[in-house]
Amino acid sequence: MPKLLYASASPYSAKVRMAAAYAGLAIEAVPTKTDDQPSMLIGANPLGKIPTLLLDEGGVVYDSRAITQYLNRLSKNALFPRNPDKRTEAEVLEALADGICDCALSIVYERRSRPEEHVYQPWIDKQWVKVTRSLDYLNANPPKLPKKITVGQIALRATLGYLSLRFAGKWEKGHGRLTRWAARFDEKFPELKDCIPS
């Protein structure tokens, strides 16, 4: 069984775990602390980043988008539509969700890795503008939640879970349609709820 090196708070890890569960693919989730630079992770992924998927035959796939593409091929297109336009739509939604996470994580790292007096607030403000602008766009255009979803919707749910974990009470204001969308997602796909960032 493939092993997924992951962290429970990571939105990228959450997306991959949710995608595997939705596609019905069995993976062994192995909690991994990147700060410890464990040899299993560093030996497989020179970047030392999660998620990293260790394959049974000895191969490795890393970066969450590469992993979702791999899982899609393995599941015979359970995660992305075959229609080229619909597939592009799913890939763009995944990229937008991941981009929001990139900005949110840069804020978290700025605050976590610097002494308080050296935290650069203009950088944080710039990243937060990108987050809120993206959330405004998604709130005005929430993706549909059909019976068969894509990695795009899964990535967005992981992203909103991460924002609720790290920015609770801050991101929701003015984004009522998105908070309701997340609740509907959880109602429709309760089997994925355990993978949401925590």
C-alpha atoms as a PDB file:
ATOM      1  CA  MET A   1       0.000   0.000   0.000  1.00  0.00           C
ATOM      2  CA  PRO A   2       1.421   3.434  -0.869  1.00  0.00           C
ATOM      3  CA  LYS A   3       2.486   5.564   2.098  1.00  0.00           C
ATOM      4  CA  LEU A   4       1.550   9.242   2.271  1.00  0.00           C
ATOM      5  CA  LEU A   5       3.848  11.354   4.438  1.00  0.00           C
ATOM      6  CA  TYR A   6       1.582  14.118   5.712  1.00  0.00           C
ATOM      7  CA  ALA A   7       0.761  16.567   8.506  1.00  0.00           C
ATOM      8  CA  SER A   8      -2.765  16.894   9.863  1.00  0.00           C
ATOM      9  CA  ALA A   9      -2.704  20.715   9.668  1.00  0.00           C
ATOM     10  CA  SER A  10      -1.447  20.835   6.071  1.00  0.00           C
ATOM     11  CA  PRO A  11      -4.126  21.818   3.536  1.00  0.00           C
ATOM     12  CA  TYR A  12      -2.134  20.187   0.740  1.00  0.00           C
ATOM     13  CA  SER A  13      -1.977  16.930   2.708  1.00  0.00           C
ATOM     14  CA  ALA A  14      -5.694  17.219   3.431  1.00  0.00           C
ATOM     15  CA  LYS A  15      -6.460  17.643  -0.260  1.00  0.00           C
ATOM     16  CA  VAL A  16      -4.491  14.523  -1.184  1.00  0.00           C
ATOM     17  CA  ARG A  17      -6.005  12.425   1.614  1.00  0.00           C
ATOM     18  CA  MET A  18      -9.511  13.569   0.657  1.00  0.00           C
ATOM     19  CA  ALA A  19      -8.830  12.877  -3.032  1.00  0.00           C
ATOM     20  CA  ALA A  20      -7.601   9.346  -2.302  1.00  0.00           C
ATOM     21  CA  ALA A  21     -10.607   8.619  -0.070  1.00  0.00           C
ATOM     22  CA  TYR A  22     -13.044  10.027  -2.638  1.00  0.00           C
ATOM     23  CA  ALA A  23     -11.453   7.969  -5.423  1.00  0.00           C
ATOM     24  CA  GLY A  24     -11.563   4.816  -3.263  1.00  0.00           C
ATOM     25  CA  LEU A  25      -7.782   4.408  -3.245  1.00  0.00           C
ATOM     26  CA  ALA A  26      -6.158   2.887  -0.169  1.00  0.00           C
ATOM     27  CA  ILE A  27      -3.118   4.743   1.169  1.00  0.00           C
ATOM     28  CA  GLU A  28      -1.352   4.530   4.510  1.00  0.00           C
ATOM     29  CA  ALA A  29      -1.200   8.003   6.037  1.00  0.00           C
ATOM     30  CA  VAL A  30       2.035   8.475   7.978  1.00  0.00           C
ATOM     31  CA  PRO A  31       2.145  11.589  10.215  1.00  0.00           C
ATOM     32  CA  THR A  32       5.403  13.423   9.500  1.00  0.00           C
ATOM     33  CA  LYS A  33       7.067  16.421  11.161  1.00  0.00           C
ATOM     34  CA  THR A  34       9.043  18.269   8.505  1.00  0.00           C
ATOM     35  CA  ASP A  35      11.002  20.250  11.131  1.00  0.00           C
ATOM     36  CA  ASP A  36      12.541  16.974  12.306  1.00  0.00           C
ATOM     37  CA  GLN A  37      13.763  16.270   8.738  1.00  0.00           C
ATOM     38  CA  PRO A  38      13.046  12.539   9.076  1.00  0.00           C
ATOM     39  CA  SER A  39      15.191  10.343   6.861  1.00  0.00           C
ATOM     40  CA  MET A  40      12.124   8.706   5.287  1.00  0.00           C
ATOM     41  CA  LEU A  41      11.001  12.113   3.996  1.00  0.00           C
ATOM     42  CA  ILE A  42      14.408  13.574   3.088  1.00  0.00           C
ATOM     43  CA  GLY A  43      15.473  10.358   1.385  1.00  0.00           C
ATOM     44  CA  ALA A  44      12.351  10.406  -0.788  1.00  0.00           C
ATOM     45  CA  ASN A  45      11.915  14.136  -1.397  1.00  0.00           C
ATOM     46  CA  PRO A  46      15.010  16.373  -1.408  1.00  0.00           C
ATOM     47  CA  LEU A  47      12.768  19.373  -0.750  1.00  0.00           C
ATOM     48  CA  GLY A  48      11.730  17.822   2.552  1.00  0.00           C
ATOM     49  CA  LYS A  49       8.128  18.878   1.937  1.00  0.00           C
ATOM     50  CA  ILE A  50       4.818  17.186   2.485  1.00  0.00           C
ATOM     51  CA  PRO A  51       2.735  15.618   1.150  1.00  0.00           C
ATOM     52  CA  THR A  52       5.040  13.002  -0.325  1.00  0.00           C
ATOM     53  CA  LEU A  53       3.664   9.736  -1.680  1.00  0.00           C
ATOM     54  CA  LEU A  54       5.895   6.650  -1.451  1.00  0.00           C
ATOM     55  CA  LEU A  55       4.830   4.067  -4.016  1.00  0.00           C
ATOM     56  CA  ASP A  56       4.888   0.309  -3.474  1.00  0.00           C
ATOM     57  CA  GLU A  57       7.309  -0.262  -6.345  1.00  0.00           C
ATOM     58  CA  GLY A  58       9.786   2.242  -4.892  1.00  0.00           C
ATOM     59  CA  GLY A  59       8.852   5.366  -6.820  1.00  0.00           C
ATOM     60  CA  VAL A  60       7.956   8.698  -5.244  1.00  0.00           C
ATOM     61  CA  VAL A  61       5.454  11.428  -6.137  1.00  0.00           C
ATOM     62  CA  TYR A  62       5.603  14.804  -4.439  1.00  0.00           C
ATOM     63  CA  ASP A  63       3.796  18.127  -4.642  1.00  0.00           C
ATOM     64  CA  SER A  64       0.086  17.827  -3.991  1.00  0.00           C
ATOM     65  CA  ARG A  65      -0.908  18.644  -7.574  1.00  0.00           C
ATOM     66  CA  ALA A  66       1.399  15.978  -8.991  1.00  0.00           C
ATOM     67  CA  ILE A  67      -0.065  13.533  -6.470  1.00  0.00           C
ATOM     68  CA  THR A  68      -3.684  14.356  -7.388  1.00  0.00           C
ATOM     69  CA  GLN A  69      -2.840  13.837 -11.069  1.00  0.00           C
ATOM     70  CA  TYR A  70      -1.212  10.500 -10.194  1.00  0.00           C
ATOM     71  CA  LEU A  71      -4.247   9.433  -8.135  1.00  0.00           C
ATOM     72  CA  ASN A  72      -6.515  10.451 -11.001  1.00  0.00           C
ATOM     73  CA  ARG A  73      -4.632   8.193 -13.424  1.00  0.00           C
ATOM     74  CA  LEU A  74      -4.642   5.354 -10.885  1.00  0.00           C
ATOM     75  CA  SER A  75      -8.410   5.680 -10.376  1.00  0.00           C
ATOM     76  CA  LYS A  76      -9.165   5.947 -14.114  1.00  0.00           C
ATOM     77  CA  ASN A  77     -10.333   9.576 -13.957  1.00  0.00           C
ATOM     78  CA  ALA A  78     -12.292   9.555 -10.692  1.00  0.00           C
ATOM     79  CA  LEU A  79     -10.907  12.993  -9.769  1.00  0.00           C
ATOM     80  CA  PHE A  80     -10.832  15.030 -12.987  1.00  0.00           C
ATOM     81  CA  PRO A  81     -13.416  15.153 -15.796  1.00  0.00           C
ATOM     82  CA  ARG A  82     -12.510  13.707 -19.169  1.00  0.00           C
ATOM     83  CA  ASN A  83     -14.014  16.706 -20.959  1.00  0.00           C
ATOM     84  CA  PRO A  84     -11.076  19.091 -21.655  1.00  0.00           C
ATOM     85  CA  ASP A  85     -12.948  22.288 -20.713  1.00  0.00           C
ATOM     86  CA  LYS A  86     -14.354  20.814 -17.509  1.00  0.00           C
ATOM     87  CA  ARG A  87     -10.936  19.385 -16.648  1.00  0.00           C
ATOM     88  CA  THR A  88      -9.312  22.792 -17.086  1.00  0.00           C
ATOM     89  CA  GLU A  89     -12.010  24.293 -14.852  1.00  0.00           C
ATOM     90  CA  ALA A  90     -11.185  21.733 -12.130  1.00  0.00           C
ATOM     91  CA  GLU A  91      -7.433  22.329 -12.488  1.00  0.00           C
ATOM     92  CA  VAL A  92      -7.869  26.111 -12.250  1.00  0.00           C
ATOM     93  CA  LEU A  93     -10.029  25.782  -9.124  1.00  0.00           C
ATOM     94  CA  GLU A  94      -7.382  23.536  -7.572  1.00  0.00           C
ATOM     95  CA  ALA A  95      -4.694  26.096  -8.455  1.00  0.00           C
ATOM     96  CA  LEU A  96      -6.727  28.945  -6.938  1.00  0.00           C
ATOM     97  CA  ALA A  97      -7.345  26.985  -3.735  1.00  0.00           C
ATOM     98  CA  ASP A  98      -3.657  26.069  -3.490  1.00  0.00           C
ATOM     99  CA  GLY A  99      -2.697  29.701  -4.157  1.00  0.00           C
ATOM    100  CA  ILE A 100      -4.863  30.857  -1.255  1.00  0.00           C
ATOM    101  CA  CYS A 101      -3.070  28.314   0.930  1.00  0.00           C
ATOM    102  CA  ASP A 102       0.323  29.539  -0.297  1.00  0.00           C
ATOM    103  CA  CYS A 103      -0.552  33.086   0.829  1.00  0.00           C
ATOM    104  CA  ALA A 104      -2.058  31.962   4.143  1.00  0.00           C
ATOM    105  CA  LEU A 105       0.947  29.767   4.914  1.00  0.00           C
ATOM    106  CA  SER A 106       3.369  32.592   4.158  1.00  0.00           C
ATOM    107  CA  ILE A 107       1.546  34.662   6.798  1.00  0.00           C
ATOM    108  CA  VAL A 108       1.760  31.820   9.320  1.00  0.00           C
ATOM    109  CA  TYR A 109       5.477  31.293   8.620  1.00  0.00           C
ATOM    110  CA  GLU A 110       6.221  35.022   8.808  1.00  0.00           C
ATOM    111  CA  ARG A 111       4.706  35.144  12.284  1.00  0.00           C
ATOM    112  CA  ARG A 112       6.096  31.798  13.416  1.00  0.00           C
ATOM    113  CA  SER A 113       9.689  32.111  12.256  1.00  0.00           C
ATOM    114  CA  ARG A 114      10.518  35.694  13.219  1.00  0.00           C
ATOM    115  CA  PRO A 115      10.670  37.429  16.600  1.00  0.00           C
ATOM    116  CA  GLU A 116       7.589  39.628  16.996  1.00  0.00           C
ATOM    117  CA  GLU A 117       9.574  42.852  16.524  1.00  0.00           C
ATOM    118  CA  HIS A 118      10.859  41.605  13.141  1.00  0.00           C
ATOM    119  CA  VAL A 119       7.534  40.448  11.689  1.00  0.00           C
ATOM    120  CA  TYR A 120       7.030  42.421   8.471  1.00  0.00           C
ATOM    121  CA  GLN A 121       3.409  43.560   8.555  1.00  0.00           C
ATOM    122  CA  PRO A 122       3.338  44.982   4.984  1.00  0.00           C
ATOM    123  CA  TRP A 123       4.164  41.475   3.697  1.00  0.00           C
ATOM    124  CA  ILE A 124       1.363  39.956   5.796  1.00  0.00           C
ATOM    125  CA  ASP A 125      -1.072  42.620   4.584  1.00  0.00           C
ATOM    126  CA  LYS A 126      -0.127  41.972   0.950  1.00  0.00           C
ATOM    127  CA  GLN A 127      -0.719  38.237   1.331  1.00  0.00           C
ATOM    128  CA  TRP A 128      -4.022  38.773   3.128  1.00  0.00           C
ATOM    129  CA  VAL A 129      -5.265  41.011   0.293  1.00  0.00           C
ATOM    130  CA  LYS A 130      -4.645  38.102  -2.110  1.00  0.00           C
ATOM    131  CA  VAL A 131      -6.521  35.728   0.193  1.00  0.00           C
ATOM    132  CA  THR A 132      -9.541  37.987   0.609  1.00  0.00           C
ATOM    133  CA  ARG A 133      -9.656  38.943  -3.078  1.00  0.00           C
ATOM    134  CA  SER A 134      -9.715  35.242  -3.971  1.00  0.00           C
ATOM    135  CA  LEU A 135     -12.347  34.474  -1.333  1.00  0.00           C
ATOM    136  CA  ASP A 136     -14.462  37.375  -2.613  1.00  0.00           C
ATOM    137  CA  TYR A 137     -14.290  35.891  -6.104  1.00  0.00           C
ATOM    138  CA  LEU A 138     -15.225  32.400  -4.874  1.00  0.00           C
ATOM    139  CA  ASN A 139     -17.988  33.750  -2.647  1.00  0.00           C
ATOM    140  CA  ALA A 140     -19.517  35.460  -5.681  1.00  0.00           C
ATOM    141  CA  ASN A 141     -18.997  32.320  -7.798  1.00  0.00           C
ATOM    142  CA  PRO A 142     -19.121  29.285  -5.487  1.00  0.00           C
ATOM    143  CA  PRO A 143     -18.411  26.057  -7.355  1.00  0.00           C
ATOM    144  CA  LYS A 144     -21.294  23.657  -7.831  1.00  0.00           C
ATOM    145  CA  LEU A 145     -21.485  20.597  -5.617  1.00  0.00           C
ATOM    146  CA  PRO A 146     -22.821  17.875  -7.908  1.00  0.00           C
ATOM    147  CA  LYS A 147     -22.942  14.204  -6.977  1.00  0.00           C
ATOM    148  CA  LYS A 148     -19.568  13.706  -8.709  1.00  0.00           C
ATOM    149  CA  ILE A 149     -17.031  16.304  -7.626  1.00  0.00           C
ATOM    150  CA  THR A 150     -13.467  16.983  -8.756  1.00  0.00           C
ATOM    151  CA  VAL A 151     -10.164  17.750  -7.101  1.00  0.00           C
ATOM    152  CA  GLY A 152     -11.102  21.414  -7.534  1.00  0.00           C
ATOM    153  CA  GLN A 153     -13.934  21.226  -5.009  1.00  0.00           C
ATOM    154  CA  ILE A 154     -11.851  18.965  -2.760  1.00  0.00           C
ATOM    155  CA  ALA A 155      -8.958  21.465  -2.795  1.00  0.00           C
ATOM    156  CA  LEU A 156     -11.307  24.321  -1.928  1.00  0.00           C
ATOM    157  CA  ARG A 157     -12.771  22.413   1.017  1.00  0.00           C
ATOM    158  CA  ALA A 158      -9.252  21.674   2.304  1.00  0.00           C
ATOM    159  CA  THR A 159      -8.381  25.367   1.923  1.00  0.00           C
ATOM    160  CA  LEU A 160     -11.423  26.577   3.851  1.00  0.00           C
ATOM    161  CA  GLY A 161     -10.600  24.035   6.546  1.00  0.00           C
ATOM    162  CA  TYR A 162      -7.094  25.427   6.813  1.00  0.00           C
ATOM    163  CA  LEU A 163      -8.388  29.005   7.027  1.00  0.00           C
ATOM    164  CA  SER A 164     -10.771  27.933   9.792  1.00  0.00           C
ATOM    165  CA  LEU A 165      -7.851  26.336  11.625  1.00  0.00           C
ATOM    166  CA  ARG A 166      -5.424  29.269  11.377  1.00  0.00           C
ATOM    167  CA  PHE A 167      -7.642  32.316  10.754  1.00  0.00           C
ATOM    168  CA  ALA A 168     -10.905  31.428  12.499  1.00  0.00           C
ATOM    169  CA  GLY A 169     -13.204  34.427  12.806  1.00  0.00           C
ATOM    170  CA  LYS A 170     -11.171  36.422  10.280  1.00  0.00           C
ATOM    171  CA  TRP A 171     -11.831  34.888   6.864  1.00  0.00           C
ATOM    172  CA  GLU A 172     -15.558  34.218   7.242  1.00  0.00           C
ATOM    173  CA  LYS A 173     -16.739  37.863   7.351  1.00  0.00           C
ATOM    174  CA  GLY A 174     -18.394  38.742   4.059  1.00  0.00           C
ATOM    175  CA  HIS A 175     -18.034  35.164   2.808  1.00  0.00           C
ATOM    176  CA  GLY A 176     -21.325  33.643   3.979  1.00  0.00           C
ATOM    177  CA  ARG A 177     -21.910  31.773   0.737  1.00  0.00           C
ATOM    178  CA  LEU A 178     -18.529  30.066   1.091  1.00  0.00           C
ATOM    179  CA  THR A 179     -19.114  29.079   4.727  1.00  0.00           C
ATOM    180  CA  ARG A 180     -22.477  27.596   3.709  1.00  0.00           C
ATOM    181  CA  TRP A 181     -20.770  25.871   0.762  1.00  0.00           C
ATOM    182  CA  ALA A 182     -18.297  24.212   3.166  1.00  0.00           C
ATOM    183  CA  ALA A 183     -21.156  23.032   5.395  1.00  0.00           C
ATOM    184  CA  ARG A 184     -22.997  21.582   2.373  1.00  0.00           C
ATOM    185  CA  PHE A 185     -19.799  19.853   1.245  1.00  0.00           C
ATOM    186  CA  ASP A 186     -19.490  18.183   4.651  1.00  0.00           C
ATOM    187  CA  GLU A 187     -23.137  17.083   4.543  1.00  0.00           C
ATOM    188  CA  LYS A 188     -22.784  15.584   1.064  1.00  0.00           C
ATOM    189  CA  PHE A 189     -19.377  13.955   1.650  1.00  0.00           C
ATOM    190  CA  PRO A 190     -19.193  13.092   5.375  1.00  0.00           C
ATOM    191  CA  GLU A 191     -16.576  10.407   4.665  1.00  0.00           C
ATOM    192  CA  LEU A 192     -14.044  13.155   3.813  1.00  0.00           C
ATOM    193  CA  LYS A 193     -14.578  15.242   6.948  1.00  0.00           C
ATOM    194  CA  ASP A 194     -11.858  13.483   8.992  1.00  0.00           C
ATOM    195  CA  CYS A 195      -9.221  14.621   6.486  1.00  0.00           C
ATOM    196  CA  ILE A 196      -9.947  18.367   6.833  1.00  0.00           C
ATOM    197  CA  PRO A 197      -6.978  20.257   8.379  1.00  0.00           C
ATOM    198  CA  SER A 198      -6.911  19.965  12.164  1.00  0.00           C
END
